[in-house]
Amino acid sequence: MPSSALVTPGDSRSPVLIHVPHASRVIPPEVRADLLLNDVELAAELDESTDAATDGIAAAALRHTRIRPTAVVNTLSRLVIDPERFADASESAAAFGRGAVYTRTCPGLPLRTEPYPRTTDLLDGYFRPYADAVTAAVEDRLRACGRAVIIDLHSYPATPSGFEDHTAARPALCIGTDPIHTPDRLIEVTRGAFAPLPEIDEIAENTPYAGSYVPLRHYGHDKRVTSVMIELRRDVYLTDPGTPDAARVDRLGRALATLIDTVAAQAAADV
C-alpha cells in the first residue's frame, strides 16, 4: 500500500521541512466500514479532529518563500491513523483511546470496537509507510544540507475536547518544543515571525499541546534534526469549523514563509 505522505521536494539548499499531518478529512471505504459513527456523527468528529486548512496555510507559505522547503502533507484523516502518536505503550494519549489508532472520539464516545482487532493492519498498512516517508524526507535534507529543520503545522479548537486539560491556556499561537530538538533560537524566530500579526494576540509555549515531531530514527539523540510545532487556535483563521478566512490564511502563510526564510538564512550563515 503506498504511503499517504505526499512529499513535495523543495530547493536543494533548504534544510526546512514543513509537516502537515492532520489537515485531511479523507477516510478510505475499508477503514470507514469499521467506524461506529453514522455520517452525521462522523462529520462532527472530523470537524473537531481535523486541523482544517493547515494545508492551505502551508501552500500559502510555499507561494511566498524565497527558498522553497520540502513539504510533507498527510493525504488521509488522522482517524485512519495518527502519524504523530507513538505506536507502543509509551503513548500517553492511548489512555483516552487516542493512540496511533483511535478507538474513541474527541468527546470520548466509541469510534472503533475495543480492543480493535485490526490495529496491527492499520499500523502496517498506513502508520509505518507514512513514518518511513517522513524519515526519508528528513534523511534527504540531512544529506543535502547537513541538517533538517521540521516545522510541524497544526491547529486546535477554541473549546477543549473531552480528553484535553480544560484548565490549560489556549493562546492564539502555541509553540510546541522538545528539550533536545528545539533550540532557543528556533523558538525566538518562530515568535518573531508570527507576533506582528493582528490575529496573534497571545503566544505561549507547550500549552495546550507540547512537543514537536521528530522521526524515531533521530528522536532523542540526533541534534542535526531540529523541530518546532506551530499550533494555531482555529478561530484565528476559520469562520466556522470548515471554512477558512482567505485573507487570514494568506497572512498566516506569509508569516510562516518569513519563518522558513529566516531559518534557511541562518542555516546558510552557519555553514
C-alpha atoms as a PDB file:
ATOM      1  CA  MET A   1       0.000   0.000   0.000  1.00  0.00           C
ATOM      2  CA  PRO A   2       1.510   3.394  -0.946  1.00  0.00           C
ATOM      3  CA  SER A   3       2.188   5.903   1.813  1.00  0.00           C
ATOM      4  CA  SER A   4      -0.349   8.660   2.441  1.00  0.00           C
ATOM      5  CA  ALA A   5       2.547  11.101   2.835  1.00  0.00           C
ATOM      6  CA  LEU A   6       2.584  13.480  -0.128  1.00  0.00           C
ATOM      7  CA  VAL A   7       6.173  14.697  -0.322  1.00  0.00           C
ATOM      8  CA  THR A   8       6.893  17.782  -2.442  1.00  0.00           C
ATOM      9  CA  PRO A   9      10.631  18.427  -2.750  1.00  0.00           C
ATOM     10  CA  GLY A  10      11.836  21.961  -2.238  1.00  0.00           C
ATOM     11  CA  ASP A  11      15.001  23.817  -3.117  1.00  0.00           C
ATOM     12  CA  SER A  12      18.074  21.646  -2.598  1.00  0.00           C
ATOM     13  CA  ARG A  13      19.609  24.426  -0.466  1.00  0.00           C
ATOM     14  CA  SER A  14      16.828  24.495   2.114  1.00  0.00           C
ATOM     15  CA  PRO A  15      17.076  22.335   5.264  1.00  0.00           C
ATOM     16  CA  VAL A  16      13.435  23.104   6.116  1.00  0.00           C
ATOM     17  CA  LEU A  17      10.646  20.532   6.017  1.00  0.00           C
ATOM     18  CA  ILE A  18       7.029  21.612   6.540  1.00  0.00           C
ATOM     19  CA  HIS A  19       4.970  18.800   8.042  1.00  0.00           C
ATOM     20  CA  VAL A  20       1.149  18.918   7.803  1.00  0.00           C
ATOM     21  CA  PRO A  21      -0.187  15.694   9.352  1.00  0.00           C
ATOM     22  CA  HIS A  22      -3.818  16.415  10.288  1.00  0.00           C
ATOM     23  CA  ALA A  23      -5.411  18.557   7.555  1.00  0.00           C
ATOM     24  CA  SER A  24      -7.243  15.844   5.599  1.00  0.00           C
ATOM     25  CA  ARG A  25     -10.787  14.521   6.075  1.00  0.00           C
ATOM     26  CA  VAL A  26     -10.320  11.576   3.668  1.00  0.00           C
ATOM     27  CA  ILE A  27     -11.080   8.094   5.024  1.00  0.00           C
ATOM     28  CA  PRO A  28     -10.792   5.064   2.698  1.00  0.00           C
ATOM     29  CA  PRO A  29     -14.000   2.973   2.439  1.00  0.00           C
ATOM     30  CA  GLU A  30     -12.402  -0.086   4.023  1.00  0.00           C
ATOM     31  CA  VAL A  31     -11.445   1.990   7.065  1.00  0.00           C
ATOM     32  CA  ARG A  32     -14.798   3.803   7.214  1.00  0.00           C
ATOM     33  CA  ALA A  33     -16.578   0.450   7.390  1.00  0.00           C
ATOM     34  CA  ASP A  34     -15.144  -0.198  10.866  1.00  0.00           C
ATOM     35  CA  LEU A  35     -16.046   3.195  12.354  1.00  0.00           C
ATOM     36  CA  LEU A  36     -19.036   3.048  14.694  1.00  0.00           C
ATOM     37  CA  LEU A  37     -20.347   6.544  13.863  1.00  0.00           C
ATOM     38  CA  ASN A  38     -23.138   7.412  11.449  1.00  0.00           C
ATOM     39  CA  ASP A  39     -22.397  10.004   8.776  1.00  0.00           C
ATOM     40  CA  VAL A  40     -23.628  12.959  10.849  1.00  0.00           C
ATOM     41  CA  GLU A  41     -21.610  11.872  13.875  1.00  0.00           C
ATOM     42  CA  LEU A  42     -18.539  11.286  11.725  1.00  0.00           C
ATOM     43  CA  ALA A  43     -18.816  14.766  10.202  1.00  0.00           C
ATOM     44  CA  ALA A  44     -18.905  16.281  13.696  1.00  0.00           C
ATOM     45  CA  GLU A  45     -15.885  14.233  14.766  1.00  0.00           C
ATOM     46  CA  LEU A  46     -13.970  15.326  11.665  1.00  0.00           C
ATOM     47  CA  ASP A  47     -14.860  18.965  12.379  1.00  0.00           C
ATOM     48  CA  GLU A  48     -13.313  18.655  15.827  1.00  0.00           C
ATOM     49  CA  SER A  49     -10.348  16.426  14.939  1.00  0.00           C
ATOM     50  CA  THR A  50      -9.196  17.911  11.640  1.00  0.00           C
ATOM     51  CA  ASP A  51      -6.620  20.693  11.556  1.00  0.00           C
ATOM     52  CA  ALA A  52      -8.688  22.433   8.920  1.00  0.00           C
ATOM     53  CA  ALA A  53      -6.871  24.500   6.280  1.00  0.00           C
ATOM     54  CA  THR A  54      -3.410  23.975   7.727  1.00  0.00           C
ATOM     55  CA  ASP A  55      -2.544  22.585   4.294  1.00  0.00           C
ATOM     56  CA  GLY A  56      -3.808  25.889   2.858  1.00  0.00           C
ATOM     57  CA  ILE A  57      -1.571  27.856   5.222  1.00  0.00           C
ATOM     58  CA  ALA A  58       1.388  25.714   4.175  1.00  0.00           C
ATOM     59  CA  ALA A  59       0.535  26.221   0.491  1.00  0.00           C
ATOM     60  CA  ALA A  60       0.394  29.993   1.019  1.00  0.00           C
ATOM     61  CA  ALA A  61       3.800  29.850   2.673  1.00  0.00           C
ATOM     62  CA  LEU A  62       5.259  27.986  -0.282  1.00  0.00           C
ATOM     63  CA  ARG A  63       3.991  30.729  -2.590  1.00  0.00           C
ATOM     64  CA  HIS A  64       5.739  33.419  -0.561  1.00  0.00           C
ATOM     65  CA  THR A  65       9.071  31.837   0.361  1.00  0.00           C
ATOM     66  CA  ARG A  66      12.287  32.827  -1.372  1.00  0.00           C
ATOM     67  CA  ILE A  67      13.792  29.335  -0.984  1.00  0.00           C
ATOM     68  CA  ARG A  68      11.103  26.658  -1.040  1.00  0.00           C
ATOM     69  CA  PRO A  69      11.210  23.994   1.686  1.00  0.00           C
ATOM     70  CA  THR A  70      10.289  20.366   1.348  1.00  0.00           C
ATOM     71  CA  ALA A  71       6.621  19.804   2.227  1.00  0.00           C
ATOM     72  CA  VAL A  72       5.096  16.614   3.633  1.00  0.00           C
ATOM     73  CA  VAL A  73       1.294  16.521   3.792  1.00  0.00           C
ATOM     74  CA  ASN A  74      -0.784  13.609   5.065  1.00  0.00           C
ATOM     75  CA  THR A  75      -3.488  12.961   2.471  1.00  0.00           C
ATOM     76  CA  LEU A  76      -5.627  10.864   4.856  1.00  0.00           C
ATOM     77  CA  SER A  77      -7.526  11.773   8.007  1.00  0.00           C
ATOM     78  CA  ARG A  78      -5.970  11.221  11.398  1.00  0.00           C
ATOM     79  CA  LEU A  79      -8.971   8.945  12.064  1.00  0.00           C
ATOM     80  CA  VAL A  80      -7.231   6.408   9.801  1.00  0.00           C
ATOM     81  CA  ILE A  81      -4.005   6.552  11.839  1.00  0.00           C
ATOM     82  CA  ASP A  82      -2.399   9.420  13.696  1.00  0.00           C
ATOM     83  CA  PRO A  83       1.176   9.586  12.395  1.00  0.00           C
ATOM     84  CA  GLU A  84       2.365  11.719  15.308  1.00  0.00           C
ATOM     85  CA  ARG A  85       1.498   9.264  18.061  1.00  0.00           C
ATOM     86  CA  PHE A  86       3.822   6.606  19.389  1.00  0.00           C
ATOM     87  CA  ALA A  87       2.648   3.169  18.305  1.00  0.00           C
ATOM     88  CA  ASP A  88       3.528   1.466  21.605  1.00  0.00           C
ATOM     89  CA  ALA A  89       2.629   1.698  25.289  1.00  0.00           C
ATOM     90  CA  SER A  90       4.663   4.895  25.716  1.00  0.00           C
ATOM     91  CA  GLU A  91       1.868   6.908  24.047  1.00  0.00           C
ATOM     92  CA  SER A  92       0.051   8.775  26.837  1.00  0.00           C
ATOM     93  CA  ALA A  93      -2.977   9.605  24.638  1.00  0.00           C
ATOM     94  CA  ALA A  94      -3.739   5.884  24.328  1.00  0.00           C
ATOM     95  CA  ALA A  95      -5.318   6.122  27.778  1.00  0.00           C
ATOM     96  CA  PHE A  96      -8.070   8.207  26.150  1.00  0.00           C
ATOM     97  CA  GLY A  97      -8.419   5.943  23.122  1.00  0.00           C
ATOM     98  CA  ARG A  98      -6.377   8.404  21.063  1.00  0.00           C
ATOM     99  CA  GLY A  99      -3.176   6.490  20.366  1.00  0.00           C
ATOM    100  CA  ALA A 100      -1.832   5.785  16.892  1.00  0.00           C
ATOM    101  CA  VAL A 101      -5.159   4.111  16.039  1.00  0.00           C
ATOM    102  CA  TYR A 102      -8.078   5.913  17.667  1.00  0.00           C
ATOM    103  CA  THR A 103     -10.798   3.921  19.378  1.00  0.00           C
ATOM    104  CA  ARG A 104     -12.571   6.916  20.955  1.00  0.00           C
ATOM    105  CA  THR A 105     -13.935  10.180  19.616  1.00  0.00           C
ATOM    106  CA  CYS A 106     -12.967  13.618  20.910  1.00  0.00           C
ATOM    107  CA  PRO A 107     -15.863  13.555  23.446  1.00  0.00           C
ATOM    108  CA  GLY A 108     -14.863  10.016  24.489  1.00  0.00           C
ATOM    109  CA  LEU A 109     -17.539   8.013  22.650  1.00  0.00           C
ATOM    110  CA  PRO A 110     -16.706   4.696  20.917  1.00  0.00           C
ATOM    111  CA  LEU A 111     -15.131   5.174  17.479  1.00  0.00           C
ATOM    112  CA  ARG A 112     -13.981   1.572  16.942  1.00  0.00           C
ATOM    113  CA  THR A 113     -14.580  -1.636  18.840  1.00  0.00           C
ATOM    114  CA  GLU A 114     -12.269  -2.078  21.837  1.00  0.00           C
ATOM    115  CA  PRO A 115      -9.933  -3.814  21.650  1.00  0.00           C
ATOM    116  CA  TYR A 116      -9.779  -3.110  17.940  1.00  0.00           C
ATOM    117  CA  PRO A 117      -8.786  -6.309  16.088  1.00  0.00           C
ATOM    118  CA  ARG A 118      -7.279  -4.571  13.034  1.00  0.00           C
ATOM    119  CA  THR A 119      -4.869  -2.248  14.848  1.00  0.00           C
ATOM    120  CA  THR A 120      -1.818  -4.098  13.530  1.00  0.00           C
ATOM    121  CA  ASP A 121      -3.196  -3.990   9.990  1.00  0.00           C
ATOM    122  CA  LEU A 122      -3.585  -0.207  10.149  1.00  0.00           C
ATOM    123  CA  LEU A 123      -0.145   0.268  11.672  1.00  0.00           C
ATOM    124  CA  ASP A 124       1.465  -1.891   8.980  1.00  0.00           C
ATOM    125  CA  GLY A 125      -0.631  -0.534   6.123  1.00  0.00           C
ATOM    126  CA  TYR A 126      -0.667   3.166   6.942  1.00  0.00           C
ATOM    127  CA  PHE A 127       1.339   4.207  10.004  1.00  0.00           C
ATOM    128  CA  ARG A 128       4.710   2.678   9.210  1.00  0.00           C
ATOM    129  CA  PRO A 129       4.763   3.597   5.487  1.00  0.00           C
ATOM    130  CA  TYR A 130       3.962   7.189   6.465  1.00  0.00           C
ATOM    131  CA  ALA A 131       6.713   7.261   9.089  1.00  0.00           C
ATOM    132  CA  ASP A 132       9.167   5.819   6.569  1.00  0.00           C
ATOM    133  CA  ALA A 133       8.289   8.512   4.021  1.00  0.00           C
ATOM    134  CA  VAL A 134       8.826  11.348   6.514  1.00  0.00           C
ATOM    135  CA  THR A 135      12.060   9.778   7.720  1.00  0.00           C
ATOM    136  CA  ALA A 136      13.289   9.538   4.121  1.00  0.00           C
ATOM    137  CA  ALA A 137      12.466  13.218   3.551  1.00  0.00           C
ATOM    138  CA  VAL A 138      14.422  14.184   6.668  1.00  0.00           C
ATOM    139  CA  GLU A 139      17.346  11.998   5.625  1.00  0.00           C
ATOM    140  CA  ASP A 140      17.307  13.705   2.229  1.00  0.00           C
ATOM    141  CA  ARG A 141      17.669  17.116   3.905  1.00  0.00           C
ATOM    142  CA  LEU A 142      20.494  15.824   6.085  1.00  0.00           C
ATOM    143  CA  ARG A 143      22.379  14.592   3.034  1.00  0.00           C
ATOM    144  CA  ALA A 144      21.824  17.833   1.121  1.00  0.00           C
ATOM    145  CA  CYS A 145      22.279  20.376   3.916  1.00  0.00           C
ATOM    146  CA  GLY A 146      23.826  18.596   6.876  1.00  0.00           C
ATOM    147  CA  ARG A 147      20.760  19.400   8.969  1.00  0.00           C
ATOM    148  CA  ALA A 148      16.987  19.255   8.873  1.00  0.00           C
ATOM    149  CA  VAL A 149      14.537  21.704  10.439  1.00  0.00           C
ATOM    150  CA  ILE A 150      10.994  20.384  10.832  1.00  0.00           C
ATOM    151  CA  ILE A 151       8.151  22.895  11.132  1.00  0.00           C
ATOM    152  CA  ASP A 152       5.218  20.845  12.391  1.00  0.00           C
ATOM    153  CA  LEU A 153       1.972  22.638  11.495  1.00  0.00           C
ATOM    154  CA  HIS A 154      -1.233  22.056  13.482  1.00  0.00           C
ATOM    155  CA  SER A 155      -4.338  23.762  14.826  1.00  0.00           C
ATOM    156  CA  TYR A 156      -6.780  23.224  17.673  1.00  0.00           C
ATOM    157  CA  PRO A 157     -10.337  24.267  18.538  1.00  0.00           C
ATOM    158  CA  ALA A 158     -11.075  27.186  20.830  1.00  0.00           C
ATOM    159  CA  THR A 159     -13.099  24.895  23.126  1.00  0.00           C
ATOM    160  CA  PRO A 160     -11.230  21.977  24.714  1.00  0.00           C
ATOM    161  CA  SER A 161     -12.071  18.481  23.548  1.00  0.00           C
ATOM    162  CA  GLY A 162     -13.236  15.931  26.092  1.00  0.00           C
ATOM    163  CA  PHE A 163      -9.811  14.326  26.507  1.00  0.00           C
ATOM    164  CA  GLU A 164      -7.945  17.632  26.951  1.00  0.00           C
ATOM    165  CA  ASP A 165      -6.940  19.535  30.077  1.00  0.00           C
ATOM    166  CA  HIS A 166      -9.731  22.104  30.387  1.00  0.00           C
ATOM    167  CA  THR A 167      -7.591  24.331  32.625  1.00  0.00           C
ATOM    168  CA  ALA A 168      -4.740  24.731  30.126  1.00  0.00           C
ATOM    169  CA  ALA A 169      -4.275  28.096  28.422  1.00  0.00           C
ATOM    170  CA  ARG A 170      -5.382  28.208  24.782  1.00  0.00           C
ATOM    171  CA  PRO A 171      -3.434  31.063  23.181  1.00  0.00           C
ATOM    172  CA  ALA A 172      -3.801  32.187  19.581  1.00  0.00           C
ATOM    173  CA  LEU A 173      -0.451  30.504  18.910  1.00  0.00           C
ATOM    174  CA  CYS A 174       1.042  27.639  20.867  1.00  0.00           C
ATOM    175  CA  ILE A 175       4.694  26.886  20.142  1.00  0.00           C
ATOM    176  CA  GLY A 176       5.486  23.251  20.880  1.00  0.00           C
ATOM    177  CA  THR A 177       9.070  22.463  21.781  1.00  0.00           C
ATOM    178  CA  ASP A 178      11.283  19.488  22.544  1.00  0.00           C
ATOM    179  CA  PRO A 179      14.119  19.778  25.088  1.00  0.00           C
ATOM    180  CA  ILE A 180      16.632  18.169  22.732  1.00  0.00           C
ATOM    181  CA  HIS A 181      15.400  19.119  19.259  1.00  0.00           C
ATOM    182  CA  THR A 182      14.131  22.697  19.696  1.00  0.00           C
ATOM    183  CA  PRO A 183      16.932  25.208  20.249  1.00  0.00           C
ATOM    184  CA  ASP A 184      16.124  28.585  21.785  1.00  0.00           C
ATOM    185  CA  ARG A 185      16.953  30.347  18.542  1.00  0.00           C
ATOM    186  CA  LEU A 186      14.247  28.401  16.695  1.00  0.00           C
ATOM    187  CA  ILE A 187      11.684  29.408  19.326  1.00  0.00           C
ATOM    188  CA  GLU A 188      12.730  33.051  19.043  1.00  0.00           C
ATOM    189  CA  VAL A 189      12.421  33.223  15.256  1.00  0.00           C
ATOM    190  CA  THR A 190       9.050  31.460  15.404  1.00  0.00           C
ATOM    191  CA  ARG A 191       7.757  34.070  17.832  1.00  0.00           C
ATOM    192  CA  GLY A 192       9.230  36.839  15.721  1.00  0.00           C
ATOM    193  CA  ALA A 193       7.573  35.627  12.526  1.00  0.00           C
ATOM    194  CA  PHE A 194       4.032  35.453  13.949  1.00  0.00           C
ATOM    195  CA  ALA A 195       3.958  38.132  16.655  1.00  0.00           C
ATOM    196  CA  PRO A 196       3.317  41.048  14.236  1.00  0.00           C
ATOM    197  CA  LEU A 197       0.008  39.566  13.030  1.00  0.00           C
ATOM    198  CA  PRO A 198      -3.107  41.215  14.475  1.00  0.00           C
ATOM    199  CA  GLU A 199      -4.734  37.794  14.904  1.00  0.00           C
ATOM    200  CA  ILE A 200      -1.928  36.555  17.130  1.00  0.00           C
ATOM    201  CA  ASP A 201      -2.703  38.399  20.353  1.00  0.00           C
ATOM    202  CA  GLU A 202      -1.059  35.813  22.610  1.00  0.00           C
ATOM    203  CA  ILE A 203       1.797  33.351  22.145  1.00  0.00           C
ATOM    204  CA  ALA A 204       2.675  30.660  24.674  1.00  0.00           C
ATOM    205  CA  GLU A 205       4.827  27.562  24.730  1.00  0.00           C
ATOM    206  CA  ASN A 206       3.625  23.988  25.205  1.00  0.00           C
ATOM    207  CA  THR A 207       0.025  24.817  26.072  1.00  0.00           C
ATOM    208  CA  PRO A 208      -2.421  23.276  25.373  1.00  0.00           C
ATOM    209  CA  TYR A 209      -0.101  20.943  23.430  1.00  0.00           C
ATOM    210  CA  ALA A 210       3.574  20.208  23.917  1.00  0.00           C
ATOM    211  CA  GLY A 211       6.432  18.740  21.935  1.00  0.00           C
ATOM    212  CA  SER A 212       7.206  18.585  18.233  1.00  0.00           C
ATOM    213  CA  TYR A 213       7.533  15.791  15.702  1.00  0.00           C
ATOM    214  CA  VAL A 214      10.886  14.115  15.047  1.00  0.00           C
ATOM    215  CA  PRO A 215      11.205  10.730  13.285  1.00  0.00           C
ATOM    216  CA  LEU A 216      12.054   7.903  15.692  1.00  0.00           C
ATOM    217  CA  ARG A 217      15.319   7.239  13.852  1.00  0.00           C
ATOM    218  CA  HIS A 218      16.556  10.640  15.039  1.00  0.00           C
ATOM    219  CA  TYR A 219      14.436  11.299  18.108  1.00  0.00           C
ATOM    220  CA  GLY A 220      16.289  11.969  21.342  1.00  0.00           C
ATOM    221  CA  HIS A 221      19.855  11.883  20.025  1.00  0.00           C
ATOM    222  CA  ASP A 222      20.442  13.419  16.586  1.00  0.00           C
ATOM    223  CA  LYS A 223      20.810  17.159  17.133  1.00  0.00           C
ATOM    224  CA  ARG A 224      21.198  17.735  13.412  1.00  0.00           C
ATOM    225  CA  VAL A 225      17.403  17.397  13.332  1.00  0.00           C
ATOM    226  CA  THR A 226      15.602  20.304  14.955  1.00  0.00           C
ATOM    227  CA  SER A 227      11.855  20.759  15.195  1.00  0.00           C
ATOM    228  CA  VAL A 228       9.214  23.236  16.295  1.00  0.00           C
ATOM    229  CA  MET A 229       5.458  22.775  16.439  1.00  0.00           C
ATOM    230  CA  ILE A 230       3.086  25.558  15.432  1.00  0.00           C
ATOM    231  CA  GLU A 231      -0.418  25.158  16.901  1.00  0.00           C
ATOM    232  CA  LEU A 232      -2.898  27.804  15.764  1.00  0.00           C
ATOM    233  CA  ARG A 233      -6.206  28.224  17.566  1.00  0.00           C
ATOM    234  CA  ARG A 234      -8.745  27.711  14.812  1.00  0.00           C
ATOM    235  CA  ASP A 235     -10.900  30.765  15.454  1.00  0.00           C
ATOM    236  CA  VAL A 236      -7.833  32.779  14.460  1.00  0.00           C
ATOM    237  CA  TYR A 237      -8.396  31.858  10.810  1.00  0.00           C
ATOM    238  CA  LEU A 238     -11.695  29.919  10.459  1.00  0.00           C
ATOM    239  CA  THR A 239     -15.163  31.421  10.284  1.00  0.00           C
ATOM    240  CA  ASP A 240     -16.684  28.004  11.202  1.00  0.00           C
ATOM    241  CA  PRO A 241     -15.181  24.511  11.682  1.00  0.00           C
ATOM    242  CA  GLY A 242     -14.610  24.015   7.959  1.00  0.00           C
ATOM    243  CA  THR A 243     -14.453  27.481   6.389  1.00  0.00           C
ATOM    244  CA  PRO A 244     -11.159  29.370   6.283  1.00  0.00           C
ATOM    245  CA  ASP A 245     -10.928  33.145   6.043  1.00  0.00           C
ATOM    246  CA  ALA A 246      -8.825  33.542   2.879  1.00  0.00           C
ATOM    247  CA  ALA A 247      -7.149  36.782   3.947  1.00  0.00           C
ATOM    248  CA  ARG A 248      -6.138  35.400   7.319  1.00  0.00           C
ATOM    249  CA  VAL A 249      -4.878  32.157   5.816  1.00  0.00           C
ATOM    250  CA  ASP A 250      -2.701  34.194   3.463  1.00  0.00           C
ATOM    251  CA  ARG A 251      -1.340  36.335   6.319  1.00  0.00           C
ATOM    252  CA  LEU A 252      -0.508  33.243   8.331  1.00  0.00           C
ATOM    253  CA  GLY A 253       1.130  31.739   5.253  1.00  0.00           C
ATOM    254  CA  ARG A 254       3.246  34.844   4.819  1.00  0.00           C
ATOM    255  CA  ALA A 255       4.310  34.665   8.471  1.00  0.00           C
ATOM    256  CA  LEU A 256       5.207  31.008   8.005  1.00  0.00           C
ATOM    257  CA  ALA A 257       7.192  31.962   4.901  1.00  0.00           C
ATOM    258  CA  THR A 258       9.092  34.526   6.981  1.00  0.00           C
ATOM    259  CA  LEU A 259       9.960  31.790   9.471  1.00  0.00           C
ATOM    260  CA  ILE A 260      11.066  29.449   6.685  1.00  0.00           C
ATOM    261  CA  ASP A 261      13.274  32.075   5.055  1.00  0.00           C
ATOM    262  CA  THR A 262      14.792  33.100   8.390  1.00  0.00           C
ATOM    263  CA  VAL A 263      15.638  29.518   9.277  1.00  0.00           C
ATOM    264  CA  ALA A 264      17.134  28.874   5.823  1.00  0.00           C
ATOM    265  CA  ALA A 265      19.216  32.045   6.021  1.00  0.00           C
ATOM    266  CA  GLN A 266      20.517  31.138   9.476  1.00  0.00           C
ATOM    267  CA  ALA A 267      21.418  27.671   8.294  1.00  0.00           C
ATOM    268  CA  ALA A 268      23.331  29.080   5.318  1.00  0.00           C
ATOM    269  CA  ALA A 269      25.210  31.511   7.577  1.00  0.00           C
ATOM    270  CA  ASP A 270      26.214  28.691   9.925  1.00  0.00           C
ATOM    271  CA  VAL A 271      27.820  26.622   7.191  1.00  0.00           C
END
